[in-house]
């Protein structure tokens, strides 16, 4: 019979390897600086959480989850900056939506009579 710890170790190692490979691939596609470093950070945090769970066994699960997703969270923050740039956010436009042009007209100072629309 296979011990539960062995199943957790093998499954955890597969998940760590898969997530690390996905982060590396995504960082290469986005042409981020040092994709191996981001993959290494994700690998280290996830493997650290898995090792703590297997070696100590009494570490609370919420604490392990915080450790496991720490590297992924840092990568996702950096990914967001790489995709959207460093320009300040426009509070009148939702992310991923160009709006209906009214917010742009407001920013450019276009007189209301030249904007058109239902005003």
PDB file of N, CA and C in Angstrom:
ATOM      1  N   UNK A   1       0.836  -1.171   0.000  1.00  0.00           N
ATOM      2  CA  UNK A   1       0.000   0.000   0.000  1.00  0.00           C
ATOM      3  C   UNK A   1       0.891   1.249   0.000  1.00  0.00           C
ATOM      4  N   UNK A   2       0.455   2.265  -0.714  1.00  0.00           N
ATOM      5  CA  UNK A   2       1.203   3.510  -0.848  1.00  0.00           C
ATOM      6  C   UNK A   2       0.832   4.444   0.296  1.00  0.00           C
ATOM      7  N   UNK A   3       1.849   5.036   0.904  1.00  0.00           N
ATOM      8  CA  UNK A   3       1.568   5.941   2.016  1.00  0.00           C
ATOM      9  C   UNK A   3       0.995   7.263   1.499  1.00  0.00           C
ATOM     10  N   UNK A   4       0.145   7.903   2.296  1.00  0.00           N
ATOM     11  CA  UNK A   4      -0.422   9.193   1.877  1.00  0.00           C
ATOM     12  C   UNK A   4       0.645  10.264   1.654  1.00  0.00           C
ATOM     13  N   UNK A   5       1.721  10.223   2.457  1.00  0.00           N
ATOM     14  CA  UNK A   5       2.785  11.203   2.273  1.00  0.00           C
ATOM     15  C   UNK A   5       3.468  11.045   0.923  1.00  0.00           C
ATOM     16  N   UNK A   6       3.604   9.821   0.455  1.00  0.00           N
ATOM     17  CA  UNK A   6       4.224   9.593  -0.852  1.00  0.00           C
ATOM     18  C   UNK A   6       3.337  10.149  -1.964  1.00  0.00           C
ATOM     19  N   UNK A   7       2.040   9.972  -1.834  1.00  0.00           N
ATOM     20  CA  UNK A   7       1.112  10.503  -2.831  1.00  0.00           C
ATOM     21  C   UNK A   7       1.170  12.031  -2.846  1.00  0.00           C
ATOM     22  N   UNK A   8       1.181  12.628  -1.653  1.00  0.00           N
ATOM     23  CA  UNK A   8       1.265  14.088  -1.548  1.00  0.00           C
ATOM     24  C   UNK A   8       2.584  14.584  -2.140  1.00  0.00           C
ATOM     25  N   UNK A   9       3.678  13.886  -1.861  1.00  0.00           N
ATOM     26  CA  UNK A   9       4.991  14.302  -2.362  1.00  0.00           C
ATOM     27  C   UNK A   9       5.050  14.243  -3.888  1.00  0.00           C
ATOM     28  N   UNK A  10       4.567  13.166  -4.473  1.00  0.00           N
ATOM     29  CA  UNK A  10       4.612  13.027  -5.933  1.00  0.00           C
ATOM     30  C   UNK A  10       3.668  14.020  -6.602  1.00  0.00           C
ATOM     31  N   UNK A  11       2.450  14.124  -6.099  1.00  0.00           N
ATOM     32  CA  UNK A  11       1.484  15.065  -6.672  1.00  0.00           C
ATOM     33  C   UNK A  11       1.974  16.504  -6.513  1.00  0.00           C
ATOM     34  N   UNK A  12       2.491  16.818  -5.335  1.00  0.00           N
ATOM     35  CA  UNK A  12       3.016  18.159  -5.091  1.00  0.00           C
ATOM     36  C   UNK A  12       4.186  18.487  -6.006  1.00  0.00           C
ATOM     37  N   UNK A  13       5.086  17.530  -6.199  1.00  0.00           N
ATOM     38  CA  UNK A  13       6.235  17.758  -7.083  1.00  0.00           C
ATOM     39  C   UNK A  13       5.773  17.998  -8.520  1.00  0.00           C
ATOM     40  N   UNK A  14       4.768  17.265  -8.962  1.00  0.00           N
ATOM     41  CA  UNK A  14       4.234  17.470 -10.311  1.00  0.00           C
ATOM     42  C   UNK A  14       3.602  18.852 -10.450  1.00  0.00           C
ATOM     43  N   UNK A  15       2.843  19.259  -9.445  1.00  0.00           N
ATOM     44  CA  UNK A  15       2.201  20.579  -9.484  1.00  0.00           C
ATOM     45  C   UNK A  15       3.258  21.685  -9.465  1.00  0.00           C
ATOM     46  N   UNK A  16       4.260  21.549  -8.611  1.00  0.00           N
ATOM     47  CA  UNK A  16       5.339  22.545  -8.543  1.00  0.00           C
ATOM     48  C   UNK A  16       6.054  22.640  -9.888  1.00  0.00           C
ATOM     49  N   UNK A  17       6.375  21.512 -10.478  1.00  0.00           N
ATOM     50  CA  UNK A  17       7.050  21.511 -11.780  1.00  0.00           C
ATOM     51  C   UNK A  17       6.194  22.119 -12.875  1.00  0.00           C
ATOM     52  N   UNK A  18       4.913  21.799 -12.891  1.00  0.00           N
ATOM     53  CA  UNK A  18       4.012  22.329 -13.918  1.00  0.00           C
ATOM     54  C   UNK A  18       3.844  23.845 -13.789  1.00  0.00           C
ATOM     55  N   UNK A  19       3.609  24.322 -12.582  1.00  0.00           N
ATOM     56  CA  UNK A  19       3.422  25.762 -12.371  1.00  0.00           C
ATOM     57  C   UNK A  19       4.713  26.512 -12.690  1.00  0.00           C
ATOM     58  N   UNK A  20       5.853  25.960 -12.303  1.00  0.00           N
ATOM     59  CA  UNK A  20       7.138  26.591 -12.604  1.00  0.00           C
ATOM     60  C   UNK A  20       7.349  26.692 -14.107  1.00  0.00           C
ATOM     61  N   UNK A  21       7.050  25.626 -14.833  1.00  0.00           N
ATOM     62  CA  UNK A  21       7.206  25.642 -16.291  1.00  0.00           C
ATOM     63  C   UNK A  21       6.255  26.656 -16.930  1.00  0.00           C
ATOM     64  N   UNK A  22       5.036  26.745 -16.436  1.00  0.00           N
ATOM     65  CA  UNK A  22       4.077  27.711 -16.986  1.00  0.00           C
ATOM     66  C   UNK A  22       4.522  29.152 -16.733  1.00  0.00           C
ATOM     67  N   UNK A  23       5.054  29.428 -15.551  1.00  0.00           N
ATOM     68  CA  UNK A  23       5.535  30.775 -15.242  1.00  0.00           C
ATOM     69  C   UNK A  23       6.724  31.116 -16.137  1.00  0.00           C
ATOM     70  N   UNK A  24       7.644  30.189 -16.309  1.00  0.00           N
ATOM     71  CA  UNK A  24       8.807  30.435 -17.170  1.00  0.00           C
ATOM     72  C   UNK A  24       8.361  30.696 -18.612  1.00  0.00           C
ATOM     73  N   UNK A  25       7.458  29.861 -19.111  1.00  0.00           N
ATOM     74  CA  UNK A  25       6.980  30.023 -20.488  1.00  0.00           C
ATOM     75  C   UNK A  25       6.275  31.370 -20.672  1.00  0.00           C
ATOM     76  N   UNK A  26       5.448  31.745 -19.708  1.00  0.00           N
ATOM     77  CA  UNK A  26       4.730  33.014 -19.793  1.00  0.00           C
ATOM     78  C   UNK A  26       5.696  34.197 -19.742  1.00  0.00           C
ATOM     79  N   UNK A  27       6.694  34.117 -18.880  1.00  0.00           N
ATOM     80  CA  UNK A  27       7.676  35.194 -18.777  1.00  0.00           C
ATOM     81  C   UNK A  27       8.493  35.329 -20.062  1.00  0.00           C
ATOM     82  N   UNK A  28       8.798  34.221 -20.720  1.00  0.00           N
ATOM     83  CA  UNK A  28       9.530  34.267 -21.993  1.00  0.00           C
ATOM     84  C   UNK A  28       8.648  34.881 -23.075  1.00  0.00           C
ATOM     85  N   UNK A  29       7.390  34.493 -23.127  1.00  0.00           N
ATOM     86  CA  UNK A  29       6.470  35.032 -24.134  1.00  0.00           C
ATOM     87  C   UNK A  29       6.304  36.537 -23.960  1.00  0.00           C
ATOM     88  N   UNK A  30       6.216  37.009 -22.712  1.00  0.00           N
ATOM     89  CA  UNK A  30       6.055  38.439 -22.449  1.00  0.00           C
ATOM     90  C   UNK A  30       7.373  39.206 -22.518  1.00  0.00           C
ATOM     91  N   UNK A  31       8.467  38.486 -22.776  1.00  0.00           N
ATOM     92  CA  UNK A  31       9.809  39.068 -22.875  1.00  0.00           C
ATOM     93  C   UNK A  31      10.177  39.829 -21.604  1.00  0.00           C
ATOM     94  N   UNK A  32       9.866  39.228 -20.471  1.00  0.00           N
ATOM     95  CA  UNK A  32      10.228  39.819 -19.181  1.00  0.00           C
ATOM     96  C   UNK A  32      11.709  39.573 -18.925  1.00  0.00           C
ATOM     97  N   UNK A  33      12.312  40.454 -18.127  1.00  0.00           N
ATOM     98  CA  UNK A  33      13.712  40.268 -17.753  1.00  0.00           C
ATOM     99  C   UNK A  33      13.858  39.058 -16.851  1.00  0.00           C
ATOM    100  N   UNK A  34      14.856  38.256 -17.106  1.00  0.00           N
ATOM    101  CA  UNK A  34      15.214  37.086 -16.293  1.00  0.00           C
ATOM    102  C   UNK A  34      14.030  36.162 -15.995  1.00  0.00           C
ATOM    103  N   UNK A  35      13.469  35.520 -17.007  1.00  0.00           N
ATOM    104  CA  UNK A  35      12.340  34.607 -16.748  1.00  0.00           C
ATOM    105  C   UNK A  35      12.727  33.440 -15.841  1.00  0.00           C
ATOM    106  N   UNK A  36      13.991  33.029 -15.880  1.00  0.00           N
ATOM    107  CA  UNK A  36      14.435  31.936 -15.005  1.00  0.00           C
ATOM    108  C   UNK A  36      14.361  32.345 -13.543  1.00  0.00           C
ATOM    109  N   UNK A  37      14.555  33.645 -13.262  1.00  0.00           N
ATOM    110  CA  UNK A  37      14.475  34.117 -11.881  1.00  0.00           C
ATOM    111  C   UNK A  37      13.036  34.045 -11.362  1.00  0.00           C
ATOM    112  N   UNK A  38      12.080  34.422 -12.201  1.00  0.00           N
ATOM    113  CA  UNK A  38      10.676  34.345 -11.793  1.00  0.00           C
ATOM    114  C   UNK A  38      10.255  32.890 -11.593  1.00  0.00           C
ATOM    115  N   UNK A  39      10.693  32.024 -12.493  1.00  0.00           N
ATOM    116  CA  UNK A  39      10.379  30.603 -12.339  1.00  0.00           C
ATOM    117  C   UNK A  39      11.037  30.048 -11.077  1.00  0.00           C
ATOM    118  N   UNK A  40      12.252  30.478 -10.794  1.00  0.00           N
ATOM    119  CA  UNK A  40      12.946  30.028  -9.589  1.00  0.00           C
ATOM    120  C   UNK A  40      12.261  30.490  -8.311  1.00  0.00           C
ATOM    121  N   UNK A  41      11.752  31.723  -8.321  1.00  0.00           N
ATOM    122  CA  UNK A  41      11.035  32.239  -7.156  1.00  0.00           C
ATOM    123  C   UNK A  41       9.766  31.424  -6.894  1.00  0.00           C
ATOM    124  N   UNK A  42       9.020  31.153  -7.952  1.00  0.00           N
ATOM    125  CA  UNK A  42       7.800  30.347  -7.815  1.00  0.00           C
ATOM    126  C   UNK A  42       8.154  28.935  -7.350  1.00  0.00           C
ATOM    127  N   UNK A  43       9.202  28.361  -7.934  1.00  0.00           N
ATOM    128  CA  UNK A  43       9.644  27.021  -7.554  1.00  0.00           C
ATOM    129  C   UNK A  43      10.028  26.974  -6.075  1.00  0.00           C
ATOM    130  N   UNK A  44      10.811  27.964  -5.629  1.00  0.00           N
ATOM    131  CA  UNK A  44      11.293  27.966  -4.242  1.00  0.00           C
ATOM    132  C   UNK A  44      10.156  28.102  -3.239  1.00  0.00           C
ATOM    133  N   UNK A  45       9.215  28.994  -3.505  1.00  0.00           N
ATOM    134  CA  UNK A  45       8.126  29.186  -2.538  1.00  0.00           C
ATOM    135  C   UNK A  45       7.206  27.969  -2.493  1.00  0.00           C
ATOM    136  N   UNK A  46       6.878  27.429  -3.661  1.00  0.00           N
ATOM    137  CA  UNK A  46       5.984  26.270  -3.678  1.00  0.00           C
ATOM    138  C   UNK A  46       6.664  25.031  -3.095  1.00  0.00           C
ATOM    139  N   UNK A  47       7.929  24.827  -3.446  1.00  0.00           N
ATOM    140  CA  UNK A  47       8.644  23.669  -2.903  1.00  0.00           C
ATOM    141  C   UNK A  47       8.867  23.827  -1.403  1.00  0.00           C
ATOM    142  N   UNK A  48       9.088  25.053  -0.949  1.00  0.00           N
ATOM    143  CA  UNK A  48       9.231  25.289   0.481  1.00  0.00           C
ATOM    144  C   UNK A  48       7.971  24.932   1.243  1.00  0.00           C
ATOM    145  N   UNK A  49       6.826  25.316   0.703  1.00  0.00           N
ATOM    146  CA  UNK A  49       5.555  24.973   1.358  1.00  0.00           C
ATOM    147  C   UNK A  49       5.340  23.459   1.366  1.00  0.00           C
ATOM    148  N   UNK A  50       5.651  22.806   0.261  1.00  0.00           N
ATOM    149  CA  UNK A  50       5.491  21.349   0.186  1.00  0.00           C
ATOM    150  C   UNK A  50       6.430  20.657   1.173  1.00  0.00           C
ATOM    151  N   UNK A  51       7.663  21.128   1.262  1.00  0.00           N
ATOM    152  CA  UNK A  51       8.634  20.541   2.173  1.00  0.00           C
ATOM    153  C   UNK A  51       8.205  20.724   3.625  1.00  0.00           C
ATOM    154  N   UNK A  52       7.719  21.915   3.963  1.00  0.00           N
ATOM    155  CA  UNK A  52       7.231  22.140   5.326  1.00  0.00           C
ATOM    156  C   UNK A  52       6.078  21.196   5.666  1.00  0.00           C
ATOM    157  N   UNK A  53       5.177  21.022   4.710  1.00  0.00           N
ATOM    158  CA  UNK A  53       4.028  20.141   4.954  1.00  0.00           C
ATOM    159  C   UNK A  53       4.486  18.700   5.187  1.00  0.00           C
ATOM    160  N   UNK A  54       5.436  18.247   4.383  1.00  0.00           N
ATOM    161  CA  UNK A  54       5.880  16.856   4.501  1.00  0.00           C
ATOM    162  C   UNK A  54       6.817  16.645   5.691  1.00  0.00           C
ATOM    163  N   UNK A  55       7.704  17.598   5.964  1.00  0.00           N
ATOM    164  CA  UNK A  55       8.701  17.416   7.016  1.00  0.00           C
ATOM    165  C   UNK A  55       8.140  17.687   8.407  1.00  0.00           C
ATOM    166  N   UNK A  56       7.379  18.757   8.544  1.00  0.00           N
ATOM    167  CA  UNK A  56       6.877  19.130   9.864  1.00  0.00           C
ATOM    168  C   UNK A  56       5.506  18.504  10.110  1.00  0.00           C
ATOM    169  N   UNK A  57       4.609  18.705   9.169  1.00  0.00           N
ATOM    170  CA  UNK A  57       3.300  18.078   9.270  1.00  0.00           C
ATOM    171  C   UNK A  57       2.295  18.813  10.142  1.00  0.00           C
ATOM    172  N   UNK A  58       2.757  19.646  11.068  1.00  0.00           N
ATOM    173  CA  UNK A  58       1.824  20.345  11.955  1.00  0.00           C
ATOM    174  C   UNK A  58       1.677  21.820  11.589  1.00  0.00           C
ATOM    175  N   UNK A  59       2.255  22.222  10.481  1.00  0.00           N
ATOM    176  CA  UNK A  59       2.134  23.613  10.042  1.00  0.00           C
ATOM    177  C   UNK A  59       0.698  23.823   9.567  1.00  0.00           C
ATOM    178  N   UNK A  60       0.043  24.884  10.027  1.00  0.00           N
ATOM    179  CA  UNK A  60      -1.340  25.137   9.606  1.00  0.00           C
ATOM    180  C   UNK A  60      -1.443  25.339   8.088  1.00  0.00           C
ATOM    181  N   UNK A  61      -2.483  24.803   7.509  1.00  0.00           N
ATOM    182  CA  UNK A  61      -2.687  24.866   6.058  1.00  0.00           C
ATOM    183  C   UNK A  61      -2.753  26.316   5.557  1.00  0.00           C
ATOM    184  N   UNK A  62      -3.439  27.252   6.240  1.00  0.00           N
ATOM    185  CA  UNK A  62      -3.439  28.630   5.732  1.00  0.00           C
ATOM    186  C   UNK A  62      -2.030  29.220   5.608  1.00  0.00           C
ATOM    187  N   UNK A  63      -1.166  28.909   6.557  1.00  0.00           N
ATOM    188  CA  UNK A  63       0.209  29.378   6.477  1.00  0.00           C
ATOM    189  C   UNK A  63       0.949  28.781   5.297  1.00  0.00           C
ATOM    190  N   UNK A  64       0.719  27.511   5.041  1.00  0.00           N
ATOM    191  CA  UNK A  64       1.348  26.861   3.886  1.00  0.00           C
ATOM    192  C   UNK A  64       0.857  27.473   2.577  1.00  0.00           C
ATOM    193  N   UNK A  65      -0.421  27.791   2.531  1.00  0.00           N
ATOM    194  CA  UNK A  65      -0.961  28.395   1.311  1.00  0.00           C
ATOM    195  C   UNK A  65      -0.364  29.777   1.057  1.00  0.00           C
ATOM    196  N   UNK A  66      -0.161  30.546   2.111  1.00  0.00           N
ATOM    197  CA  UNK A  66       0.458  31.863   1.961  1.00  0.00           C
ATOM    198  C   UNK A  66       1.865  31.715   1.411  1.00  0.00           C
ATOM    199  N   UNK A  67       2.616  30.767   1.924  1.00  0.00           N
ATOM    200  CA  UNK A  67       3.977  30.535   1.438  1.00  0.00           C
ATOM    201  C   UNK A  67       3.939  30.050  -0.013  1.00  0.00           C
ATOM    202  N   UNK A  68       3.028  29.139  -0.314  1.00  0.00           N
ATOM    203  CA  UNK A  68       2.970  28.548  -1.653  1.00  0.00           C
ATOM    204  C   UNK A  68       2.610  29.569  -2.727  1.00  0.00           C
ATOM    205  N   UNK A  69       1.698  30.477  -2.429  1.00  0.00           N
ATOM    206  CA  UNK A  69       1.258  31.427  -3.457  1.00  0.00           C
ATOM    207  C   UNK A  69       2.039  32.736  -3.423  1.00  0.00           C
ATOM    208  N   UNK A  70       2.975  32.872  -2.494  1.00  0.00           N
ATOM    209  CA  UNK A  70       3.752  34.105  -2.409  1.00  0.00           C
ATOM    210  C   UNK A  70       4.518  34.409  -3.691  1.00  0.00           C
ATOM    211  N   UNK A  71       5.225  33.445  -4.211  1.00  0.00           N
ATOM    212  CA  UNK A  71       5.982  33.650  -5.454  1.00  0.00           C
ATOM    213  C   UNK A  71       5.077  33.898  -6.639  1.00  0.00           C
ATOM    214  N   UNK A  72       3.968  33.181  -6.698  1.00  0.00           N
ATOM    215  CA  UNK A  72       3.022  33.366  -7.798  1.00  0.00           C
ATOM    216  C   UNK A  72       2.428  34.770  -7.740  1.00  0.00           C
ATOM    217  N   UNK A  73       2.093  35.242  -6.540  1.00  0.00           N
ATOM    218  CA  UNK A  73       1.518  36.583  -6.400  1.00  0.00           C
ATOM    219  C   UNK A  73       2.510  37.653  -6.853  1.00  0.00           C
ATOM    220  N   UNK A  74       3.765  37.538  -6.445  1.00  0.00           N
ATOM    221  CA  UNK A  74       4.778  38.507  -6.878  1.00  0.00           C
ATOM    222  C   UNK A  74       4.940  38.491  -8.394  1.00  0.00           C
ATOM    223  N   UNK A  75       4.948  37.288  -8.974  1.00  0.00           N
ATOM    224  CA  UNK A  75       5.066  37.187 -10.435  1.00  0.00           C
ATOM    225  C   UNK A  75       3.869  37.847 -11.118  1.00  0.00           C
ATOM    226  N   UNK A  76       2.678  37.606 -10.614  1.00  0.00           N
ATOM    227  CA  UNK A  76       1.485  38.179 -11.247  1.00  0.00           C
ATOM    228  C   UNK A  76       1.463  39.704 -11.147  1.00  0.00           C
ATOM    229  N   UNK A  77       1.966  40.269 -10.049  1.00  0.00           N
ATOM    230  CA  UNK A  77       2.069  41.725  -9.949  1.00  0.00           C
ATOM    231  C   UNK A  77       3.028  42.266 -11.003  1.00  0.00           C
ATOM    232  N   UNK A  78       4.169  41.617 -11.157  1.00  0.00           N
ATOM    233  CA  UNK A  78       5.146  42.056 -12.151  1.00  0.00           C
ATOM    234  C   UNK A  78       4.614  41.850 -13.567  1.00  0.00           C
ATOM    235  N   UNK A  79       3.870  40.755 -13.769  1.00  0.00           N
ATOM    236  CA  UNK A  79       3.281  40.486 -15.080  1.00  0.00           C
ATOM    237  C   UNK A  79       2.288  41.581 -15.467  1.00  0.00           C
ATOM    238  N   UNK A  80       1.487  42.015 -14.499  1.00  0.00           N
ATOM    239  CA  UNK A  80       0.516  43.065 -14.755  1.00  0.00           C
ATOM    240  C   UNK A  80       1.219  44.352 -15.179  1.00  0.00           C
ATOM    241  N   UNK A  81       2.324  44.682 -14.523  1.00  0.00           N
ATOM    242  CA  UNK A  81       3.091  45.867 -14.916  1.00  0.00           C
ATOM    243  C   UNK A  81       3.683  45.706 -16.309  1.00  0.00           C
ATOM    244  N   UNK A  82       4.146  44.506 -16.632  1.00  0.00           N
ATOM    245  CA  UNK A  82       4.741  44.277 -17.951  1.00  0.00           C
ATOM    246  C   UNK A  82       3.694  44.369 -19.058  1.00  0.00           C
ATOM    247  N   UNK A  83       2.491  43.917 -18.789  1.00  0.00           N
ATOM    248  CA  UNK A  83       1.436  43.922 -19.804  1.00  0.00           C
ATOM    249  C   UNK A  83       0.817  45.309 -19.955  1.00  0.00           C
ATOM    250  N   UNK A  84       0.526  45.978 -18.849  1.00  0.00           N
ATOM    251  CA  UNK A  84      -0.204  47.244 -18.891  1.00  0.00           C
ATOM    252  C   UNK A  84       0.681  48.473 -18.809  1.00  0.00           C
ATOM    253  N   UNK A  85       1.948  48.302 -18.561  1.00  0.00           N
ATOM    254  CA  UNK A  85       2.847  49.442 -18.504  1.00  0.00           C
ATOM    255  C   UNK A  85       2.778  50.164 -17.178  1.00  0.00           C
ATOM    256  N   UNK A  86       3.526  51.259 -17.109  1.00  0.00           N
ATOM    257  CA  UNK A  86       3.623  52.006 -15.860  1.00  0.00           C
ATOM    258  C   UNK A  86       2.807  53.285 -15.853  1.00  0.00           C
ATOM    259  N   UNK A  87       2.002  53.519 -16.897  1.00  0.00           N
ATOM    260  CA  UNK A  87       1.219  54.751 -16.919  1.00  0.00           C
ATOM    261  C   UNK A  87       0.156  54.710 -15.824  1.00  0.00           C
ATOM    262  N   UNK A  88      -0.178  55.880 -15.284  1.00  0.00           N
ATOM    263  CA  UNK A  88      -1.172  55.905 -14.210  1.00  0.00           C
ATOM    264  C   UNK A  88      -2.555  55.472 -14.718  1.00  0.00           C
ATOM    265  N   UNK A  89      -3.305  54.888 -13.821  1.00  0.00           N
ATOM    266  CA  UNK A  89      -4.632  54.408 -14.185  1.00  0.00           C
ATOM    267  C   UNK A  89      -5.591  55.579 -14.370  1.00  0.00           C
ATOM    268  N   UNK A  90      -6.530  55.435 -15.314  1.00  0.00           N
ATOM    269  CA  UNK A  90      -7.575  56.432 -15.533  1.00  0.00           C
ATOM    270  C   UNK A  90      -8.808  55.972 -14.764  1.00  0.00           C
ATOM    271  N   UNK A  91      -9.241  56.699 -13.756  1.00  0.00           N
ATOM    272  CA  UNK A  91     -10.366  56.245 -12.940  1.00  0.00           C
ATOM    273  C   UNK A  91     -11.698  56.248 -13.674  1.00  0.00           C
ATOM    274  N   UNK A  92     -11.761  56.864 -14.857  1.00  0.00           N
ATOM    275  CA  UNK A  92     -13.029  56.922 -15.584  1.00  0.00           C
ATOM    276  C   UNK A  92     -13.195  55.790 -16.585  1.00  0.00           C
ATOM    277  N   UNK A  93     -12.186  54.915 -16.711  1.00  0.00           N
ATOM    278  CA  UNK A  93     -12.240  53.835 -17.687  1.00  0.00           C
ATOM    279  C   UNK A  93     -11.938  52.522 -16.983  1.00  0.00           C
ATOM    280  N   UNK A  94     -12.748  51.502 -17.247  1.00  0.00           N
ATOM    281  CA  UNK A  94     -12.505  50.189 -16.685  1.00  0.00           C
ATOM    282  C   UNK A  94     -11.320  49.544 -17.378  1.00  0.00           C
ATOM    283  N   UNK A  95     -10.631  48.663 -16.671  1.00  0.00           N
ATOM    284  CA  UNK A  95      -9.486  47.974 -17.247  1.00  0.00           C
ATOM    285  C   UNK A  95      -9.933  47.135 -18.443  1.00  0.00           C
ATOM    286  N   UNK A  96      -9.187  47.214 -19.532  1.00  0.00           N
ATOM    287  CA  UNK A  96      -9.498  46.439 -20.726  1.00  0.00           C
ATOM    288  C   UNK A  96     -10.613  47.026 -21.568  1.00  0.00           C
ATOM    289  N   UNK A  97     -11.091  48.239 -21.216  1.00  0.00           N
ATOM    290  CA  UNK A  97     -12.192  48.845 -21.941  1.00  0.00           C
ATOM    291  C   UNK A  97     -11.780  50.266 -22.311  1.00  0.00           C
ATOM    292  N   UNK A  98     -11.937  50.603 -23.554  1.00  0.00           N
ATOM    293  CA  UNK A  98     -11.560  51.941 -24.000  1.00  0.00           C
ATOM    294  C   UNK A  98     -12.631  52.977 -23.690  1.00  0.00           C
ATOM    295  N   UNK A  99     -13.771  52.543 -23.233  1.00  0.00           N
ATOM    296  CA  UNK A  99     -14.857  53.472 -22.903  1.00  0.00           C
ATOM    297  C   UNK A  99     -15.588  53.927 -24.153  1.00  0.00           C
ATOM    298  N   UNK A 100     -16.464  54.910 -23.998  1.00  0.00           N
ATOM    299  CA  UNK A 100     -17.256  55.384 -25.133  1.00  0.00           C
ATOM    300  C   UNK A 100     -16.699  56.673 -25.730  1.00  0.00           C
ATOM    301  N   UNK A 101     -15.510  57.076 -25.284  1.00  0.00           N
ATOM    302  CA  UNK A 101     -14.896  58.273 -25.836  1.00  0.00           C
ATOM    303  C   UNK A 101     -15.169  59.518 -25.021  1.00  0.00           C
ATOM    304  N   UNK A 102     -16.165  59.488 -24.156  1.00  0.00           N
ATOM    305  CA  UNK A 102     -16.483  60.681 -23.362  1.00  0.00           C
ATOM    306  C   UNK A 102     -15.367  60.998 -22.388  1.00  0.00           C
ATOM    307  N   UNK A 103     -14.804  59.971 -21.763  1.00  0.00           N
ATOM    308  CA  UNK A 103     -13.720  60.210 -20.809  1.00  0.00           C
ATOM    309  C   UNK A 103     -12.513  60.798 -21.531  1.00  0.00           C
ATOM    310  N   UNK A 104     -12.235  60.316 -22.736  1.00  0.00           N
ATOM    311  CA  UNK A 104     -11.116  60.846 -23.509  1.00  0.00           C
ATOM    312  C   UNK A 104     -11.375  62.305 -23.868  1.00  0.00           C
ATOM    313  N   UNK A 105     -12.588  62.628 -24.249  1.00  0.00           N
ATOM    314  CA  UNK A 105     -12.927  64.007 -24.587  1.00  0.00           C
ATOM    315  C   UNK A 105     -12.790  64.896 -23.359  1.00  0.00           C
ATOM    316  N   UNK A 106     -13.172  64.386 -22.192  1.00  0.00           N
ATOM    317  CA  UNK A 106     -13.020  65.159 -20.957  1.00  0.00           C
ATOM    318  C   UNK A 106     -11.549  65.438 -20.668  1.00  0.00           C
ATOM    319  N   UNK A 107     -10.706  64.437 -20.863  1.00  0.00           N
ATOM    320  CA  UNK A 107      -9.283  64.620 -20.605  1.00  0.00           C
ATOM    321  C   UNK A 107      -8.655  65.610 -21.576  1.00  0.00           C
ATOM    322  N   UNK A 108      -9.106  65.587 -22.818  1.00  0.00           N
ATOM    323  CA  UNK A 108      -8.506  66.449 -23.835  1.00  0.00           C
ATOM    324  C   UNK A 108      -9.065  67.863 -23.789  1.00  0.00           C
ATOM    325  N   UNK A 109     -10.109  68.067 -23.019  1.00  0.00           N
ATOM    326  CA  UNK A 109     -10.677  69.397 -22.901  1.00  0.00           C
ATOM    327  C   UNK A 109     -11.488  69.813 -24.116  1.00  0.00           C
ATOM    328  N   UNK A 110     -12.018  68.857 -24.857  1.00  0.00           N
ATOM    329  CA  UNK A 110     -12.836  69.162 -26.023  1.00  0.00           C
ATOM    330  C   UNK A 110     -14.140  69.791 -25.559  1.00  0.00           C
ATOM    331  N   UNK A 111     -14.551  70.909 -26.171  1.00  0.00           N
ATOM    332  CA  UNK A 111     -15.827  71.524 -25.780  1.00  0.00           C
ATOM    333  C   UNK A 111     -16.993  70.556 -25.972  1.00  0.00           C
ATOM    334  N   UNK A 112     -18.006  70.694 -25.145  1.00  0.00           N
ATOM    335  CA  UNK A 112     -19.138  69.788 -25.190  1.00  0.00           C
ATOM    336  C   UNK A 112     -19.833  69.786 -26.553  1.00  0.00           C
ATOM    337  N   UNK A 113     -19.894  70.911 -27.218  1.00  0.00           N
ATOM    338  CA  UNK A 113     -20.603  70.973 -28.495  1.00  0.00           C
ATOM    339  C   UNK A 113     -19.896  70.156 -29.572  1.00  0.00           C
ATOM    340  N   UNK A 114     -18.591  69.914 -29.417  1.00  0.00           N
ATOM    341  CA  UNK A 114     -17.847  69.150 -30.417  1.00  0.00           C
ATOM    342  C   UNK A 114     -17.830  67.652 -30.129  1.00  0.00           C
ATOM    343  N   UNK A 115     -18.300  67.247 -28.972  1.00  0.00           N
ATOM    344  CA  UNK A 115     -18.220  65.848 -28.595  1.00  0.00           C
ATOM    345  C   UNK A 115     -19.290  64.993 -29.228  1.00  0.00           C
ATOM    346  N   UNK A 116     -20.459  65.511 -29.420  1.00  0.00           N
ATOM    347  CA  UNK A 116     -21.558  64.691 -29.904  1.00  0.00           C
ATOM    348  C   UNK A 116     -22.127  63.887 -28.758  1.00  0.00           C
ATOM    349  N   UNK A 117     -23.030  63.010 -29.034  1.00  0.00           N
ATOM    350  CA  UNK A 117     -23.603  62.159 -27.986  1.00  0.00           C
ATOM    351  C   UNK A 117     -24.875  62.761 -27.427  1.00  0.00           C
ATOM    352  N   UNK A 118     -25.334  62.175 -26.323  1.00  0.00           N
ATOM    353  CA  UNK A 118     -26.608  62.548 -25.717  1.00  0.00           C
ATOM    354  C   UNK A 118     -26.402  63.432 -24.501  1.00  0.00           C
ATOM    355  N   UNK A 119     -25.882  64.581 -24.661  1.00  0.00           N
ATOM    356  CA  UNK A 119     -25.627  65.404 -23.479  1.00  0.00           C
ATOM    357  C   UNK A 119     -26.531  66.546 -23.408  1.00  0.00           C
TER     358      UNK A 119
END
